[in-house]
Amino acid sequence: KNTMQIPSRFAPLLFSALLSAIMVAIVSAFVLIMAQGVHPGLPAQWVRSCLTTWPVEFRSVFVVAPLVRQKVARMTTR
């Protein structure tokens, strides 16, 4: 078994990192393509956009995700 194992106490941090990275990649690509179209400089611009916005998104997800989970738990039944 060669998979990396991270202690479960880091699960909220890992969740926030992965979700925010995926969302930043998708949304940055969408916004750039909609605003400028596909062009030769797009990949470099997309990477710069992701690198500058990911730290903000990571912190946002880390703070907001637990609040959203609590709200959903109150709004749903088992």
N, C-alpha and C. Protein backbone atom coordinates (compact mmCIF):
# COMPACT_ATOMS: atom_id res chain seq x y z
N LYS A 1 0.86 -1.18 0.00
CA LYS A 1 0.00 0.00 0.00
C LYS A 1 0.90 1.24 0.00
N ASN A 2 0.90 1.97 -1.10
CA ASN A 2 1.77 3.13 -1.25
C ASN A 2 1.04 4.46 -1.19
N THR A 3 -0.15 4.48 -0.63
CA THR A 3 -0.89 5.73 -0.56
C THR A 3 -0.47 6.53 0.67
N MET A 4 -0.44 7.82 0.50
CA MET A 4 -0.09 8.71 1.61
C MET A 4 -1.25 8.76 2.59
N GLN A 5 -0.96 8.56 3.85
CA GLN A 5 -1.98 8.59 4.89
C GLN A 5 -1.76 9.83 5.76
N ILE A 6 -2.81 10.61 5.90
CA ILE A 6 -2.76 11.83 6.70
C ILE A 6 -3.65 11.61 7.92
N PRO A 7 -3.21 11.99 9.10
CA PRO A 7 -4.04 11.81 10.29
C PRO A 7 -5.40 12.51 10.14
N SER A 8 -6.44 11.88 10.66
CA SER A 8 -7.80 12.39 10.47
C SER A 8 -8.01 13.77 11.08
N ARG A 9 -7.18 14.16 12.03
CA ARG A 9 -7.35 15.49 12.61
C ARG A 9 -7.10 16.59 11.58
N PHE A 10 -6.42 16.25 10.49
CA PHE A 10 -6.17 17.21 9.43
C PHE A 10 -7.22 17.18 8.33
N ALA A 11 -8.27 16.39 8.50
CA ALA A 11 -9.30 16.25 7.47
C ALA A 11 -9.93 17.59 7.08
N PRO A 12 -10.32 18.45 8.02
CA PRO A 12 -10.90 19.74 7.61
C PRO A 12 -9.93 20.58 6.78
N LEU A 13 -8.67 20.56 7.12
CA LEU A 13 -7.66 21.31 6.38
C LEU A 13 -7.47 20.73 4.98
N LEU A 14 -7.39 19.42 4.88
CA LEU A 14 -7.23 18.76 3.59
C LEU A 14 -8.46 18.97 2.71
N PHE A 15 -9.65 18.84 3.30
CA PHE A 15 -10.89 19.08 2.56
C PHE A 15 -10.89 20.49 1.99
N SER A 16 -10.55 21.48 2.82
CA SER A 16 -10.55 22.87 2.38
C SER A 16 -9.52 23.10 1.27
N ALA A 17 -8.36 22.50 1.41
CA ALA A 17 -7.32 22.66 0.40
C ALA A 17 -7.75 22.07 -0.94
N LEU A 18 -8.27 20.85 -0.91
CA LEU A 18 -8.67 20.20 -2.17
C LEU A 18 -9.87 20.88 -2.81
N LEU A 19 -10.91 21.14 -2.03
CA LEU A 19 -12.11 21.77 -2.60
C LEU A 19 -11.78 23.15 -3.16
N SER A 20 -11.02 23.94 -2.41
CA SER A 20 -10.72 25.29 -2.89
C SER A 20 -9.84 25.25 -4.15
N ALA A 21 -8.90 24.33 -4.21
CA ALA A 21 -8.05 24.22 -5.40
C ALA A 21 -8.87 23.84 -6.63
N ILE A 22 -9.76 22.89 -6.47
CA ILE A 22 -10.61 22.46 -7.59
C ILE A 22 -11.53 23.60 -8.04
N MET A 23 -12.15 24.26 -7.08
CA MET A 23 -13.08 25.34 -7.42
C MET A 23 -12.35 26.52 -8.08
N VAL A 24 -11.19 26.88 -7.56
CA VAL A 24 -10.42 27.98 -8.15
C VAL A 24 -10.03 27.63 -9.59
N ALA A 25 -9.59 26.40 -9.82
CA ALA A 25 -9.19 26.00 -11.17
C ALA A 25 -10.37 26.09 -12.14
N ILE A 26 -11.52 25.59 -11.73
CA ILE A 26 -12.70 25.60 -12.61
C ILE A 26 -13.19 27.02 -12.86
N VAL A 27 -13.40 27.78 -11.79
CA VAL A 27 -13.97 29.11 -11.92
C VAL A 27 -13.01 30.06 -12.64
N SER A 28 -11.71 29.98 -12.34
CA SER A 28 -10.74 30.83 -13.03
C SER A 28 -10.74 30.56 -14.53
N ALA A 29 -10.75 29.30 -14.91
CA ALA A 29 -10.78 28.97 -16.34
C ALA A 29 -12.05 29.49 -16.98
N PHE A 30 -13.18 29.28 -16.33
CA PHE A 30 -14.46 29.74 -16.89
C PHE A 30 -14.47 31.25 -17.08
N VAL A 31 -14.09 31.99 -16.04
CA VAL A 31 -14.13 33.45 -16.12
C VAL A 31 -13.17 33.97 -17.18
N LEU A 32 -11.95 33.44 -17.22
CA LEU A 32 -10.99 33.90 -18.21
C LEU A 32 -11.48 33.62 -19.63
N ILE A 33 -12.00 32.43 -19.87
CA ILE A 33 -12.48 32.08 -21.22
C ILE A 33 -13.68 32.93 -21.60
N MET A 34 -14.59 33.16 -20.68
CA MET A 34 -15.76 33.99 -20.98
C MET A 34 -15.36 35.45 -21.24
N ALA A 35 -14.39 35.95 -20.51
CA ALA A 35 -14.01 37.35 -20.65
C ALA A 35 -13.08 37.60 -21.84
N GLN A 36 -12.20 36.65 -22.13
CA GLN A 36 -11.17 36.90 -23.15
C GLN A 36 -11.16 35.89 -24.28
N GLY A 37 -11.89 34.81 -24.13
CA GLY A 37 -11.84 33.76 -25.13
C GLY A 37 -10.57 32.95 -24.99
N VAL A 38 -10.47 31.92 -25.81
CA VAL A 38 -9.28 31.07 -25.79
C VAL A 38 -8.19 31.75 -26.62
N HIS A 39 -7.02 31.93 -26.03
CA HIS A 39 -5.91 32.59 -26.72
C HIS A 39 -4.60 31.95 -26.27
N PRO A 40 -3.52 32.19 -26.98
CA PRO A 40 -2.25 31.52 -26.66
C PRO A 40 -1.75 31.77 -25.23
N GLY A 41 -1.99 32.92 -24.66
CA GLY A 41 -1.50 33.22 -23.32
C GLY A 41 -2.40 32.73 -22.21
N LEU A 42 -3.50 32.08 -22.57
CA LEU A 42 -4.49 31.64 -21.58
C LEU A 42 -3.92 30.70 -20.51
N PRO A 43 -3.17 29.66 -20.87
CA PRO A 43 -2.67 28.76 -19.82
C PRO A 43 -1.83 29.48 -18.75
N ALA A 44 -0.93 30.35 -19.17
CA ALA A 44 -0.10 31.08 -18.20
C ALA A 44 -0.95 32.02 -17.36
N GLN A 45 -1.90 32.69 -17.99
CA GLN A 45 -2.78 33.59 -17.27
C GLN A 45 -3.65 32.81 -16.28
N TRP A 46 -4.10 31.64 -16.68
CA TRP A 46 -4.93 30.79 -15.81
C TRP A 46 -4.14 30.35 -14.57
N VAL A 47 -2.88 29.94 -14.77
CA VAL A 47 -2.05 29.54 -13.64
C VAL A 47 -1.84 30.72 -12.69
N ARG A 48 -1.52 31.90 -13.23
CA ARG A 48 -1.35 33.09 -12.38
C ARG A 48 -2.62 33.39 -11.60
N SER A 49 -3.75 33.29 -12.27
CA SER A 49 -5.04 33.55 -11.62
C SER A 49 -5.29 32.57 -10.49
N CYS A 50 -5.02 31.31 -10.74
CA CYS A 50 -5.21 30.28 -9.71
C CYS A 50 -4.30 30.53 -8.51
N LEU A 51 -3.05 30.84 -8.78
CA LEU A 51 -2.09 31.03 -7.69
C LEU A 51 -2.40 32.26 -6.85
N THR A 52 -3.00 33.28 -7.45
CA THR A 52 -3.31 34.49 -6.68
C THR A 52 -4.63 34.39 -5.95
N THR A 53 -5.57 33.61 -6.47
CA THR A 53 -6.89 33.54 -5.82
C THR A 53 -7.02 32.35 -4.87
N TRP A 54 -6.21 31.31 -5.03
CA TRP A 54 -6.35 30.14 -4.18
C TRP A 54 -6.19 30.43 -2.69
N PRO A 55 -5.22 31.24 -2.27
CA PRO A 55 -5.11 31.50 -0.82
C PRO A 55 -6.38 32.12 -0.22
N VAL A 56 -7.04 32.97 -0.96
CA VAL A 56 -8.29 33.58 -0.48
C VAL A 56 -9.38 32.52 -0.41
N GLU A 57 -9.49 31.73 -1.45
CA GLU A 57 -10.54 30.69 -1.50
C GLU A 57 -10.31 29.63 -0.43
N PHE A 58 -9.06 29.25 -0.21
CA PHE A 58 -8.76 28.24 0.81
C PHE A 58 -9.25 28.71 2.18
N ARG A 59 -8.91 29.93 2.54
CA ARG A 59 -9.35 30.46 3.84
C ARG A 59 -10.87 30.54 3.92
N SER A 60 -11.49 30.95 2.82
CA SER A 60 -12.95 31.05 2.79
C SER A 60 -13.61 29.70 3.01
N VAL A 61 -13.15 28.69 2.30
CA VAL A 61 -13.73 27.35 2.45
C VAL A 61 -13.48 26.82 3.86
N PHE A 62 -12.29 27.03 4.39
CA PHE A 62 -11.96 26.54 5.72
C PHE A 62 -12.89 27.12 6.78
N VAL A 63 -13.26 28.38 6.62
CA VAL A 63 -14.15 29.05 7.59
C VAL A 63 -15.62 28.75 7.30
N VAL A 64 -16.01 28.77 6.04
CA VAL A 64 -17.42 28.68 5.68
C VAL A 64 -17.95 27.25 5.67
N ALA A 65 -17.15 26.27 5.29
CA ALA A 65 -17.64 24.89 5.18
C ALA A 65 -18.28 24.37 6.46
N PRO A 66 -17.68 24.55 7.63
CA PRO A 66 -18.35 24.06 8.84
C PRO A 66 -19.69 24.75 9.10
N LEU A 67 -19.77 26.02 8.78
CA LEU A 67 -21.02 26.75 8.96
C LEU A 67 -22.11 26.22 8.02
N VAL A 68 -21.72 25.93 6.79
CA VAL A 68 -22.67 25.38 5.82
C VAL A 68 -23.12 23.98 6.25
N ARG A 69 -22.18 23.17 6.73
CA ARG A 69 -22.56 21.83 7.20
C ARG A 69 -23.57 21.91 8.34
N GLN A 70 -23.36 22.83 9.27
CA GLN A 70 -24.30 23.01 10.38
C GLN A 70 -25.66 23.44 9.88
N LYS A 71 -25.69 24.37 8.97
CA LYS A 71 -26.96 24.86 8.41
C LYS A 71 -27.69 23.74 7.69
N VAL A 72 -26.98 22.95 6.89
CA VAL A 72 -27.60 21.83 6.17
C VAL A 72 -28.13 20.80 7.15
N ALA A 73 -27.38 20.54 8.22
CA ALA A 73 -27.83 19.56 9.23
C ALA A 73 -29.14 20.02 9.87
N ARG A 74 -29.28 21.32 10.08
CA ARG A 74 -30.52 21.85 10.68
C ARG A 74 -31.69 21.83 9.69
N MET A 75 -31.39 21.89 8.42
CA MET A 75 -32.43 21.98 7.39
C MET A 75 -32.89 20.61 6.89
N THR A 76 -32.17 19.56 7.23
CA THR A 76 -32.50 18.23 6.71
C THR A 76 -32.87 17.28 7.86
N THR A 77 -33.52 16.21 7.48
CA THR A 77 -33.90 15.18 8.47
C THR A 77 -33.18 13.90 8.13
N ARG A 78 -33.15 13.00 9.10
CA ARG A 78 -32.49 11.71 8.86
C ARG A 78 -33.48 10.65 8.54
